mmCIF file of all heavy atoms, coordinates in Angstrom:
data_MODEL
# 
_entry.id   MODEL 
# 
loop_
_atom_site.group_PDB 
_atom_site.id 
_atom_site.type_symbol 
_atom_site.label_atom_id 
_atom_site.label_alt_id 
_atom_site.label_comp_id 
_atom_site.label_asym_id 
_atom_site.label_entity_id 
_atom_site.label_seq_id 
_atom_site.pdbx_PDB_ins_code 
_atom_site.Cartn_x 
_atom_site.Cartn_y 
_atom_site.Cartn_z 
_atom_site.occupancy 
_atom_site.B_iso_or_equiv 
_atom_site.pdbx_formal_charge 
_atom_site.auth_seq_id 
_atom_site.auth_comp_id 
_atom_site.auth_asym_id 
_atom_site.auth_atom_id 
_atom_site.pdbx_PDB_model_num 
ATOM 1   N N   . GLU A 1 1  ? 35.527 6.338  0.996   1.00 0.00 ? 1  GLU A N   1 
ATOM 2   C CA  . GLU A 1 1  ? 35.680 5.300  1.985   1.00 0.00 ? 1  GLU A CA  1 
ATOM 3   C C   . GLU A 1 1  ? 34.691 4.173  1.694   1.00 0.00 ? 1  GLU A C   1 
ATOM 4   O O   . GLU A 1 1  ? 33.644 4.381  1.092   1.00 0.00 ? 1  GLU A O   1 
ATOM 5   C CB  . GLU A 1 1  ? 35.415 5.865  3.387   1.00 0.00 ? 1  GLU A CB  1 
ATOM 6   C CG  . GLU A 1 1  ? 36.448 6.912  3.799   1.00 0.00 ? 1  GLU A CG  1 
ATOM 7   C CD  . GLU A 1 1  ? 36.234 7.380  5.220   1.00 0.00 ? 1  GLU A CD  1 
ATOM 8   O OE1 . GLU A 1 1  ? 35.248 6.936  5.843   1.00 0.00 ? 1  GLU A OE1 1 
ATOM 9   O OE2 . GLU A 1 1  ? 37.028 8.173  5.696   1.00 0.00 ? 1  GLU A OE2 1 
ATOM 10  N N   . ALA A 1 2  ? 35.018 2.972  2.173   1.00 0.00 ? 2  ALA A N   1 
ATOM 11  C CA  . ALA A 1 2  ? 34.094 1.844  2.007   1.00 0.00 ? 2  ALA A CA  1 
ATOM 12  C C   . ALA A 1 2  ? 32.875 2.063  2.876   1.00 0.00 ? 2  ALA A C   1 
ATOM 13  O O   . ALA A 1 2  ? 32.971 2.564  3.989   1.00 0.00 ? 2  ALA A O   1 
ATOM 14  C CB  . ALA A 1 2  ? 34.805 0.551  2.430   1.00 0.00 ? 2  ALA A CB  1 
ATOM 15  N N   . PRO A 1 3  ? 31.687 1.705  2.358   1.00 0.00 ? 3  PRO A N   1 
ATOM 16  C CA  . PRO A 1 3  ? 30.484 1.908  3.144   1.00 0.00 ? 3  PRO A CA  1 
ATOM 17  C C   . PRO A 1 3  ? 30.439 0.993  4.357   1.00 0.00 ? 3  PRO A C   1 
ATOM 18  O O   . PRO A 1 3  ? 31.040 -0.075 4.371   1.00 0.00 ? 3  PRO A O   1 
ATOM 19  C CB  . PRO A 1 3  ? 29.366 1.566  2.159   1.00 0.00 ? 3  PRO A CB  1 
ATOM 20  C CG  . PRO A 1 3  ? 30.007 0.672  1.142   1.00 0.00 ? 3  PRO A CG  1 
ATOM 21  C CD  . PRO A 1 3  ? 31.427 1.137  1.036   1.00 0.00 ? 3  PRO A CD  1 
ATOM 22  N N   . HIS A 1 4  ? 29.696 1.430  5.328   1.00 0.00 ? 4  HIS A N   1 
ATOM 23  C CA  . HIS A 1 4  ? 29.499 0.619  6.529   1.00 0.00 ? 4  HIS A CA  1 
ATOM 24  C C   . HIS A 1 4  ? 28.769 -0.671 6.137   1.00 0.00 ? 4  HIS A C   1 
ATOM 25  O O   . HIS A 1 4  ? 27.816 -0.647 5.352   1.00 0.00 ? 4  HIS A O   1 
ATOM 26  C CB  . HIS A 1 4  ? 28.654 1.419  7.529   1.00 0.00 ? 4  HIS A CB  1 
ATOM 27  C CG  . HIS A 1 4  ? 28.601 0.791  8.879   1.00 0.00 ? 4  HIS A CG  1 
ATOM 28  N ND1 . HIS A 1 4  ? 27.633 -0.088 9.267   1.00 0.00 ? 4  HIS A ND1 1 
ATOM 29  C CD2 . HIS A 1 4  ? 29.414 0.961  9.967   1.00 0.00 ? 4  HIS A CD2 1 
ATOM 30  C CE1 . HIS A 1 4  ? 27.822 -0.445 10.526  1.00 0.00 ? 4  HIS A CE1 1 
ATOM 31  N NE2 . HIS A 1 4  ? 28.893 0.169  10.964  1.00 0.00 ? 4  HIS A NE2 1 
ATOM 32  N N   . PRO A 1 5  ? 29.169 -1.818 6.644   1.00 0.00 ? 5  PRO A N   1 
ATOM 33  C CA  . PRO A 1 5  ? 28.568 -3.095 6.215   1.00 0.00 ? 5  PRO A CA  1 
ATOM 34  C C   . PRO A 1 5  ? 27.055 -3.129 6.342   1.00 0.00 ? 5  PRO A C   1 
ATOM 35  O O   . PRO A 1 5  ? 26.360 -3.604 5.448   1.00 0.00 ? 5  PRO A O   1 
ATOM 36  C CB  . PRO A 1 5  ? 29.235 -4.120 7.142   1.00 0.00 ? 5  PRO A CB  1 
ATOM 37  C CG  . PRO A 1 5  ? 30.551 -3.495 7.511   1.00 0.00 ? 5  PRO A CG  1 
ATOM 38  C CD  . PRO A 1 5  ? 30.289 -2.038 7.593   1.00 0.00 ? 5  PRO A CD  1 
ATOM 39  N N   . GLU A 1 6  ? 26.505 -2.630 7.481   1.00 0.00 ? 6  GLU A N   1 
ATOM 40  C CA  . GLU A 1 6  ? 25.070 -2.679 7.669   1.00 0.00 ? 6  GLU A CA  1 
ATOM 41  C C   . GLU A 1 6  ? 24.321 -1.782 6.676   1.00 0.00 ? 6  GLU A C   1 
ATOM 42  O O   . GLU A 1 6  ? 23.127 -1.964 6.453   1.00 0.00 ? 6  GLU A O   1 
ATOM 43  C CB  . GLU A 1 6  ? 24.695 -2.259 9.096   1.00 0.00 ? 6  GLU A CB  1 
ATOM 44  C CG  . GLU A 1 6  ? 25.095 -3.282 10.153  1.00 0.00 ? 6  GLU A CG  1 
ATOM 45  C CD  . GLU A 1 6  ? 26.563 -3.156 10.540  1.00 0.00 ? 6  GLU A CD  1 
ATOM 46  O OE1 . GLU A 1 6  ? 27.238 -2.251 10.039  1.00 0.00 ? 6  GLU A OE1 1 
ATOM 47  O OE2 . GLU A 1 6  ? 27.018 -4.000 11.336  1.00 0.00 ? 6  GLU A OE2 1 
ATOM 48  N N   . ALA A 1 7  ? 25.055 -0.790 6.113   1.00 0.00 ? 7  ALA A N   1 
ATOM 49  C CA  . ALA A 1 7  ? 24.377 0.157  5.234   1.00 0.00 ? 7  ALA A CA  1 
ATOM 50  C C   . ALA A 1 7  ? 24.589 -0.184 3.767   1.00 0.00 ? 7  ALA A C   1 
ATOM 51  O O   . ALA A 1 7  ? 24.208 0.557  2.894   1.00 0.00 ? 7  ALA A O   1 
ATOM 52  C CB  . ALA A 1 7  ? 24.875 1.574  5.512   1.00 0.00 ? 7  ALA A CB  1 
ATOM 53  N N   . ALA A 1 8  ? 25.252 -1.321 3.498   1.00 0.00 ? 8  ALA A N   1 
ATOM 54  C CA  . ALA A 1 8  ? 25.589 -1.635 2.111   1.00 0.00 ? 8  ALA A CA  1 
ATOM 55  C C   . ALA A 1 8  ? 24.329 -1.751 1.257   1.00 0.00 ? 8  ALA A C   1 
ATOM 56  O O   . ALA A 1 8  ? 23.325 -2.323 1.655   1.00 0.00 ? 8  ALA A O   1 
ATOM 57  C CB  . ALA A 1 8  ? 26.363 -2.949 2.051   1.00 0.00 ? 8  ALA A CB  1 
ATOM 58  N N   . SER A 1 9  ? 24.400 -1.176 0.060   1.00 0.00 ? 9  SER A N   1 
ATOM 59  C CA  . SER A 1 9  ? 23.290 -1.194 -0.883  1.00 0.00 ? 9  SER A CA  1 
ATOM 60  C C   . SER A 1 9  ? 23.839 -0.849 -2.238  1.00 0.00 ? 9  SER A C   1 
ATOM 61  O O   . SER A 1 9  ? 24.958 -0.368 -2.355  1.00 0.00 ? 9  SER A O   1 
ATOM 62  C CB  . SER A 1 9  ? 22.202 -0.201 -0.474  1.00 0.00 ? 9  SER A CB  1 
ATOM 63  O OG  . SER A 1 9  ? 22.618 1.102  -0.770  1.00 0.00 ? 9  SER A OG  1 
ATOM 64  N N   . PRO A 1 10 ? 23.049 -1.054 -3.316  1.00 0.00 ? 10 PRO A N   1 
ATOM 65  C CA  . PRO A 1 10 ? 23.532 -0.651 -4.635  1.00 0.00 ? 10 PRO A CA  1 
ATOM 66  C C   . PRO A 1 10 ? 23.907 0.814  -4.685  1.00 0.00 ? 10 PRO A C   1 
ATOM 67  O O   . PRO A 1 10 ? 24.794 1.208  -5.423  1.00 0.00 ? 10 PRO A O   1 
ATOM 68  C CB  . PRO A 1 10 ? 22.320 -0.969 -5.540  1.00 0.00 ? 10 PRO A CB  1 
ATOM 69  C CG  . PRO A 1 10 ? 21.602 -2.076 -4.840  1.00 0.00 ? 10 PRO A CG  1 
ATOM 70  C CD  . PRO A 1 10 ? 21.769 -1.767 -3.378  1.00 0.00 ? 10 PRO A CD  1 
ATOM 71  N N   . ALA A 1 11 ? 23.217 1.659  -3.901  1.00 0.00 ? 11 ALA A N   1 
ATOM 72  C CA  . ALA A 1 11 ? 23.490 3.097  -3.924  1.00 0.00 ? 11 ALA A CA  1 
ATOM 73  C C   . ALA A 1 11 ? 24.826 3.417  -3.291  1.00 0.00 ? 11 ALA A C   1 
ATOM 74  O O   . ALA A 1 11 ? 25.372 4.487  -3.504  1.00 0.00 ? 11 ALA A O   1 
ATOM 75  C CB  . ALA A 1 11 ? 22.376 3.863  -3.219  1.00 0.00 ? 11 ALA A CB  1 
ATOM 76  N N   . ALA A 1 12 ? 25.353 2.492  -2.464  1.00 0.00 ? 12 ALA A N   1 
ATOM 77  C CA  . ALA A 1 12 ? 26.571 2.797  -1.718  1.00 0.00 ? 12 ALA A CA  1 
ATOM 78  C C   . ALA A 1 12 ? 27.819 2.693  -2.585  1.00 0.00 ? 12 ALA A C   1 
ATOM 79  O O   . ALA A 1 12 ? 28.870 3.178  -2.220  1.00 0.00 ? 12 ALA A O   1 
ATOM 80  C CB  . ALA A 1 12 ? 26.704 1.858  -0.540  1.00 0.00 ? 12 ALA A CB  1 
ATOM 81  N N   . ALA A 1 13 ? 27.744 2.032  -3.716  1.00 0.00 ? 13 ALA A N   1 
ATOM 82  C CA  . ALA A 1 13 ? 28.913 1.862  -4.577  1.00 0.00 ? 13 ALA A CA  1 
ATOM 83  C C   . ALA A 1 13 ? 29.174 3.148  -5.350  1.00 0.00 ? 13 ALA A C   1 
ATOM 84  O O   . ALA A 1 13 ? 28.287 3.722  -5.942  1.00 0.00 ? 13 ALA A O   1 
ATOM 85  C CB  . ALA A 1 13 ? 28.677 0.706  -5.540  1.00 0.00 ? 13 ALA A CB  1 
ATOM 86  N N   . ALA A 1 14 ? 30.432 3.566  -5.333  1.00 0.00 ? 14 ALA A N   1 
ATOM 87  C CA  . ALA A 1 14 ? 30.786 4.833  -5.985  1.00 0.00 ? 14 ALA A CA  1 
ATOM 88  C C   . ALA A 1 14 ? 30.863 4.649  -7.478  1.00 0.00 ? 14 ALA A C   1 
ATOM 89  O O   . ALA A 1 14 ? 31.465 3.708  -7.984  1.00 0.00 ? 14 ALA A O   1 
ATOM 90  C CB  . ALA A 1 14 ? 32.131 5.317  -5.439  1.00 0.00 ? 14 ALA A CB  1 
ATOM 91  N N   . ASN A 1 15 ? 30.261 5.557  -8.221  1.00 0.00 ? 15 ASN A N   1 
ATOM 92  C CA  . ASN A 1 15 ? 30.332 5.610  -9.672  1.00 0.00 ? 15 ASN A CA  1 
ATOM 93  C C   . ASN A 1 15 ? 30.673 7.057  -10.042 1.00 0.00 ? 15 ASN A C   1 
ATOM 94  O O   . ASN A 1 15 ? 29.827 7.937  -9.905  1.00 0.00 ? 15 ASN A O   1 
ATOM 95  C CB  . ASN A 1 15 ? 28.994 5.194  -10.291 1.00 0.00 ? 15 ASN A CB  1 
ATOM 96  C CG  . ASN A 1 15 ? 29.050 5.155  -11.810 1.00 0.00 ? 15 ASN A CG  1 
ATOM 97  O OD1 . ASN A 1 15 ? 29.629 6.052  -12.449 1.00 0.00 ? 15 ASN A OD1 1 
ATOM 98  N ND2 . ASN A 1 15 ? 28.445 4.147  -12.397 1.00 0.00 ? 15 ASN A ND2 1 
ATOM 99  N N   . PRO A 1 16 ? 31.906 7.327  -10.480 1.00 0.00 ? 16 PRO A N   1 
ATOM 100 C CA  . PRO A 1 16 ? 32.315 8.698  -10.749 1.00 0.00 ? 16 PRO A CA  1 
ATOM 101 C C   . PRO A 1 16 ? 31.407 9.446  -11.709 1.00 0.00 ? 16 PRO A C   1 
ATOM 102 O O   . PRO A 1 16 ? 31.112 10.628 -11.517 1.00 0.00 ? 16 PRO A O   1 
ATOM 103 C CB  . PRO A 1 16 ? 33.737 8.539  -11.329 1.00 0.00 ? 16 PRO A CB  1 
ATOM 104 C CG  . PRO A 1 16 ? 34.220 7.230  -10.763 1.00 0.00 ? 16 PRO A CG  1 
ATOM 105 C CD  . PRO A 1 16 ? 33.009 6.361  -10.697 1.00 0.00 ? 16 PRO A CD  1 
ATOM 106 N N   . THR A 1 17 ? 30.916 8.745  -12.742 1.00 0.00 ? 17 THR A N   1 
ATOM 107 C CA  . THR A 1 17 ? 30.038 9.410  -13.706 1.00 0.00 ? 17 THR A CA  1 
ATOM 108 C C   . THR A 1 17 ? 28.728 9.812  -13.056 1.00 0.00 ? 17 THR A C   1 
ATOM 109 O O   . THR A 1 17 ? 28.232 10.936 -13.235 1.00 0.00 ? 17 THR A O   1 
ATOM 110 C CB  . THR A 1 17 ? 29.764 8.493  -14.913 1.00 0.00 ? 17 THR A CB  1 
ATOM 111 O OG1 . THR A 1 17 ? 31.011 8.146  -15.534 1.00 0.00 ? 17 THR A OG1 1 
ATOM 112 C CG2 . THR A 1 17 ? 28.869 9.191  -15.917 1.00 0.00 ? 17 THR A CG2 1 
ATOM 113 N N   . ASP A 1 18 ? 28.140 8.899  -12.281 1.00 0.00 ? 18 ASP A N   1 
ATOM 114 C CA  . ASP A 1 18 ? 26.907 9.220  -11.564 1.00 0.00 ? 18 ASP A CA  1 
ATOM 115 C C   . ASP A 1 18 ? 27.139 10.341 -10.556 1.00 0.00 ? 18 ASP A C   1 
ATOM 116 O O   . ASP A 1 18 ? 26.280 11.221 -10.378 1.00 0.00 ? 18 ASP A O   1 
ATOM 117 C CB  . ASP A 1 18 ? 26.375 7.994  -10.849 1.00 0.00 ? 18 ASP A CB  1 
ATOM 118 C CG  . ASP A 1 18 ? 25.744 6.990  -11.813 1.00 0.00 ? 18 ASP A CG  1 
ATOM 119 O OD1 . ASP A 1 18 ? 25.555 7.340  -12.978 1.00 0.00 ? 18 ASP A OD1 1 
ATOM 120 O OD2 . ASP A 1 18 ? 25.472 5.857  -11.358 1.00 0.00 ? 18 ASP A OD2 1 
ATOM 121 N N   . ASP A 1 19 ? 28.279 10.301 -9.868  1.00 0.00 ? 19 ASP A N   1 
ATOM 122 C CA  . ASP A 1 19 ? 28.572 11.333 -8.891  1.00 0.00 ? 19 ASP A CA  1 
ATOM 123 C C   . ASP A 1 19 ? 28.552 12.716 -9.529  1.00 0.00 ? 19 ASP A C   1 
ATOM 124 O O   . ASP A 1 19 ? 27.981 13.667 -8.977  1.00 0.00 ? 19 ASP A O   1 
ATOM 125 C CB  . ASP A 1 19 ? 29.946 11.082 -8.244  1.00 0.00 ? 19 ASP A CB  1 
ATOM 126 C CG  . ASP A 1 19 ? 29.925 9.944  -7.233  1.00 0.00 ? 19 ASP A CG  1 
ATOM 127 O OD1 . ASP A 1 19 ? 28.827 9.422  -6.944  1.00 0.00 ? 19 ASP A OD1 1 
ATOM 128 O OD2 . ASP A 1 19 ? 31.003 9.610  -6.706  1.00 0.00 ? 19 ASP A OD2 1 
ATOM 129 N N   . LEU A 1 20 ? 29.166 12.852 -10.674 1.00 0.00 ? 20 LEU A N   1 
ATOM 130 C CA  . LEU A 1 20 ? 29.194 14.135 -11.367 1.00 0.00 ? 20 LEU A CA  1 
ATOM 131 C C   . LEU A 1 20 ? 27.792 14.568 -11.796 1.00 0.00 ? 20 LEU A C   1 
ATOM 132 O O   . LEU A 1 20 ? 27.401 15.730 -11.630 1.00 0.00 ? 20 LEU A O   1 
ATOM 133 C CB  . LEU A 1 20 ? 30.125 14.076 -12.578 1.00 0.00 ? 20 LEU A CB  1 
ATOM 134 C CG  . LEU A 1 20 ? 31.612 13.917 -12.299 1.00 0.00 ? 20 LEU A CG  1 
ATOM 135 C CD1 . LEU A 1 20 ? 32.366 13.683 -13.602 1.00 0.00 ? 20 LEU A CD1 1 
ATOM 136 C CD2 . LEU A 1 20 ? 32.165 15.141 -11.577 1.00 0.00 ? 20 LEU A CD2 1 
ATOM 137 N N   . SER A 1 21 ? 27.038 13.632 -12.318 1.00 0.00 ? 21 SER A N   1 
ATOM 138 C CA  . SER A 1 21 ? 25.702 13.950 -12.817 1.00 0.00 ? 21 SER A CA  1 
ATOM 139 C C   . SER A 1 21 ? 24.762 14.380 -11.693 1.00 0.00 ? 21 SER A C   1 
ATOM 140 O O   . SER A 1 21 ? 24.067 15.393 -11.793 1.00 0.00 ? 21 SER A O   1 
ATOM 141 C CB  . SER A 1 21 ? 25.127 12.732 -13.551 1.00 0.00 ? 21 SER A CB  1 
ATOM 142 O OG  . SER A 1 21 ? 23.801 12.970 -13.974 1.00 0.00 ? 21 SER A OG  1 
ATOM 143 N N   . PHE A 1 22 ? 24.742 13.601 -10.611 1.00 0.00 ? 22 PHE A N   1 
ATOM 144 C CA  . PHE A 1 22 ? 23.811 13.912 -9.522  1.00 0.00 ? 22 PHE A CA  1 
ATOM 145 C C   . PHE A 1 22 ? 24.258 15.155 -8.731  1.00 0.00 ? 22 PHE A C   1 
ATOM 146 O O   . PHE A 1 22 ? 23.419 15.914 -8.248  1.00 0.00 ? 22 PHE A O   1 
ATOM 147 C CB  . PHE A 1 22 ? 23.651 12.713 -8.604  1.00 0.00 ? 22 PHE A CB  1 
ATOM 148 C CG  . PHE A 1 22 ? 22.894 11.569 -9.242  1.00 0.00 ? 22 PHE A CG  1 
ATOM 149 C CD1 . PHE A 1 22 ? 23.446 10.298 -9.307  1.00 0.00 ? 22 PHE A CD1 1 
ATOM 150 C CD2 . PHE A 1 22 ? 21.635 11.782 -9.781  1.00 0.00 ? 22 PHE A CD2 1 
ATOM 151 C CE1 . PHE A 1 22 ? 22.750 9.240  -9.904  1.00 0.00 ? 22 PHE A CE1 1 
ATOM 152 C CE2 . PHE A 1 22 ? 20.925 10.728 -10.379 1.00 0.00 ? 22 PHE A CE2 1 
ATOM 153 C CZ  . PHE A 1 22 ? 21.490 9.465  -10.442 1.00 0.00 ? 22 PHE A CZ  1 
ATOM 154 N N   . MET A 1 23 ? 25.584 15.376 -8.638  1.00 0.00 ? 23 MET A N   1 
ATOM 155 C CA  . MET A 1 23 ? 26.029 16.594 -7.969  1.00 0.00 ? 23 MET A CA  1 
ATOM 156 C C   . MET A 1 23 ? 25.699 17.820 -8.805  1.00 0.00 ? 23 MET A C   1 
ATOM 157 O O   . MET A 1 23 ? 25.357 18.903 -8.251  1.00 0.00 ? 23 MET A O   1 
ATOM 158 C CB  . MET A 1 23 ? 27.537 16.537 -7.679  1.00 0.00 ? 23 MET A CB  1 
ATOM 159 C CG  . MET A 1 23 ? 28.047 17.736 -6.877  1.00 0.00 ? 23 MET A CG  1 
ATOM 160 S SD  . MET A 1 23 ? 27.235 17.906 -5.261  1.00 0.00 ? 23 MET A SD  1 
ATOM 161 C CE  . MET A 1 23 ? 28.098 16.619 -4.338  1.00 0.00 ? 23 MET A CE  1 
ATOM 162 N N   . ALA A 1 24 ? 25.782 17.697 -10.127 1.00 0.00 ? 24 ALA A N   1 
ATOM 163 C CA  . ALA A 1 24 ? 25.393 18.809 -10.983 1.00 0.00 ? 24 ALA A CA  1 
ATOM 164 C C   . ALA A 1 24 ? 23.938 19.181 -10.766 1.00 0.00 ? 24 ALA A C   1 
ATOM 165 O O   . ALA A 1 24 ? 23.564 20.360 -10.745 1.00 0.00 ? 24 ALA A O   1 
ATOM 166 C CB  . ALA A 1 24 ? 25.646 18.453 -12.456 1.00 0.00 ? 24 ALA A CB  1 
ATOM 167 N N   . LEU A 1 25 ? 23.090 18.167 -10.567 1.00 0.00 ? 25 LEU A N   1 
ATOM 168 C CA  . LEU A 1 25 ? 21.675 18.429 -10.257 1.00 0.00 ? 25 LEU A CA  1 
ATOM 169 C C   . LEU A 1 25 ? 21.544 19.121 -8.906  1.00 0.00 ? 25 LEU A C   1 
ATOM 170 O O   . LEU A 1 25 ? 20.755 20.073 -8.756  1.00 0.00 ? 25 LEU A O   1 
ATOM 171 C CB  . LEU A 1 25 ? 20.887 17.121 -10.275 1.00 0.00 ? 25 LEU A CB  1 
ATOM 172 C CG  . LEU A 1 25 ? 19.417 17.226 -9.844  1.00 0.00 ? 25 LEU A CG  1 
ATOM 173 C CD1 . LEU A 1 25 ? 18.665 18.224 -10.720 1.00 0.00 ? 25 LEU A CD1 1 
ATOM 174 C CD2 . LEU A 1 25 ? 18.762 15.844 -9.892  1.00 0.00 ? 25 LEU A CD2 1 
ATOM 175 N N   . ALA A 1 26 ? 22.303 18.664 -7.921  1.00 0.00 ? 26 ALA A N   1 
ATOM 176 C CA  . ALA A 1 26 ? 22.258 19.315 -6.604  1.00 0.00 ? 26 ALA A CA  1 
ATOM 177 C C   . ALA A 1 26 ? 22.634 20.789 -6.693  1.00 0.00 ? 26 ALA A C   1 
ATOM 178 O O   . ALA A 1 26 ? 22.040 21.646 -6.040  1.00 0.00 ? 26 ALA A O   1 
ATOM 179 C CB  . ALA A 1 26 ? 23.170 18.585 -5.632  1.00 0.00 ? 26 ALA A CB  1 
ATOM 180 N N   . LEU A 1 27 ? 23.613 21.096 -7.533  1.00 0.00 ? 27 LEU A N   1 
ATOM 181 C CA  . LEU A 1 27 ? 24.022 22.493 -7.711  1.00 0.00 ? 27 LEU A CA  1 
ATOM 182 C C   . LEU A 1 27 ? 22.944 23.312 -8.389  1.00 0.00 ? 27 LEU A C   1 
ATOM 183 O O   . LEU A 1 27 ? 22.717 24.479 -8.046  1.00 0.00 ? 27 LEU A O   1 
ATOM 184 C CB  . LEU A 1 27 ? 25.327 22.562 -8.505  1.00 0.00 ? 27 LEU A CB  1 
ATOM 185 C CG  . LEU A 1 27 ? 26.578 22.049 -7.770  1.00 0.00 ? 27 LEU A CG  1 
ATOM 186 C CD1 . LEU A 1 27 ? 27.769 22.003 -8.714  1.00 0.00 ? 27 LEU A CD1 1 
ATOM 187 C CD2 . LEU A 1 27 ? 26.894 22.944 -6.567  1.00 0.00 ? 27 LEU A CD2 1 
ATOM 188 N N   . ARG A 1 28 ? 22.265 22.713 -9.372  1.00 0.00 ? 28 ARG A N   1 
ATOM 189 C CA  . ARG A 1 28 ? 21.172 23.435 -10.016 1.00 0.00 ? 28 ARG A CA  1 
ATOM 190 C C   . ARG A 1 28 ? 20.039 23.714 -9.047  1.00 0.00 ? 28 ARG A C   1 
ATOM 191 O O   . ARG A 1 28 ? 19.399 24.784 -9.082  1.00 0.00 ? 28 ARG A O   1 
ATOM 192 C CB  . ARG A 1 28 ? 20.651 22.647 -11.223 1.00 0.00 ? 28 ARG A CB  1 
ATOM 193 C CG  . ARG A 1 28 ? 21.626 22.609 -12.391 1.00 0.00 ? 28 ARG A CG  1 
ATOM 194 C CD  . ARG A 1 28 ? 20.961 22.164 -13.679 1.00 0.00 ? 28 ARG A CD  1 
ATOM 195 N NE  . ARG A 1 28 ? 20.464 20.802 -13.613 1.00 0.00 ? 28 ARG A NE  1 
ATOM 196 C CZ  . ARG A 1 28 ? 21.195 19.732 -13.915 1.00 0.00 ? 28 ARG A CZ  1 
ATOM 197 N NH1 . ARG A 1 28 ? 22.472 19.880 -14.281 1.00 0.00 ? 28 ARG A NH1 1 
ATOM 198 N NH2 . ARG A 1 28 ? 20.676 18.513 -13.848 1.00 0.00 ? 28 ARG A NH2 1 
ATOM 199 N N   . LEU A 1 29 ? 19.778 22.772 -8.151  1.00 0.00 ? 29 LEU A N   1 
ATOM 200 C CA  . LEU A 1 29 ? 18.767 22.997 -7.129  1.00 0.00 ? 29 LEU A CA  1 
ATOM 201 C C   . LEU A 1 29 ? 19.204 24.098 -6.170  1.00 0.00 ? 29 LEU A C   1 
ATOM 202 O O   . LEU A 1 29 ? 18.402 24.960 -5.783  1.00 0.00 ? 29 LEU A O   1 
ATOM 203 C CB  . LEU A 1 29 ? 18.499 21.697 -6.357  1.00 0.00 ? 29 LEU A CB  1 
ATOM 204 C CG  . LEU A 1 29 ? 17.869 20.540 -7.138  1.00 0.00 ? 29 LEU A CG  1 
ATOM 205 C CD1 . LEU A 1 29 ? 17.811 19.292 -6.276  1.00 0.00 ? 29 LEU A CD1 1 
ATOM 206 C CD2 . LEU A 1 29 ? 16.482 20.916 -7.617  1.00 0.00 ? 29 LEU A CD2 1 
# 
């Protein structure tokens, strides 16, 4: 979903490659 306007930031934009990488780290944790 599109981020809430007040919360918009560079981190709010979806990047599939980053999503996979950071979620893999979350799973290792």
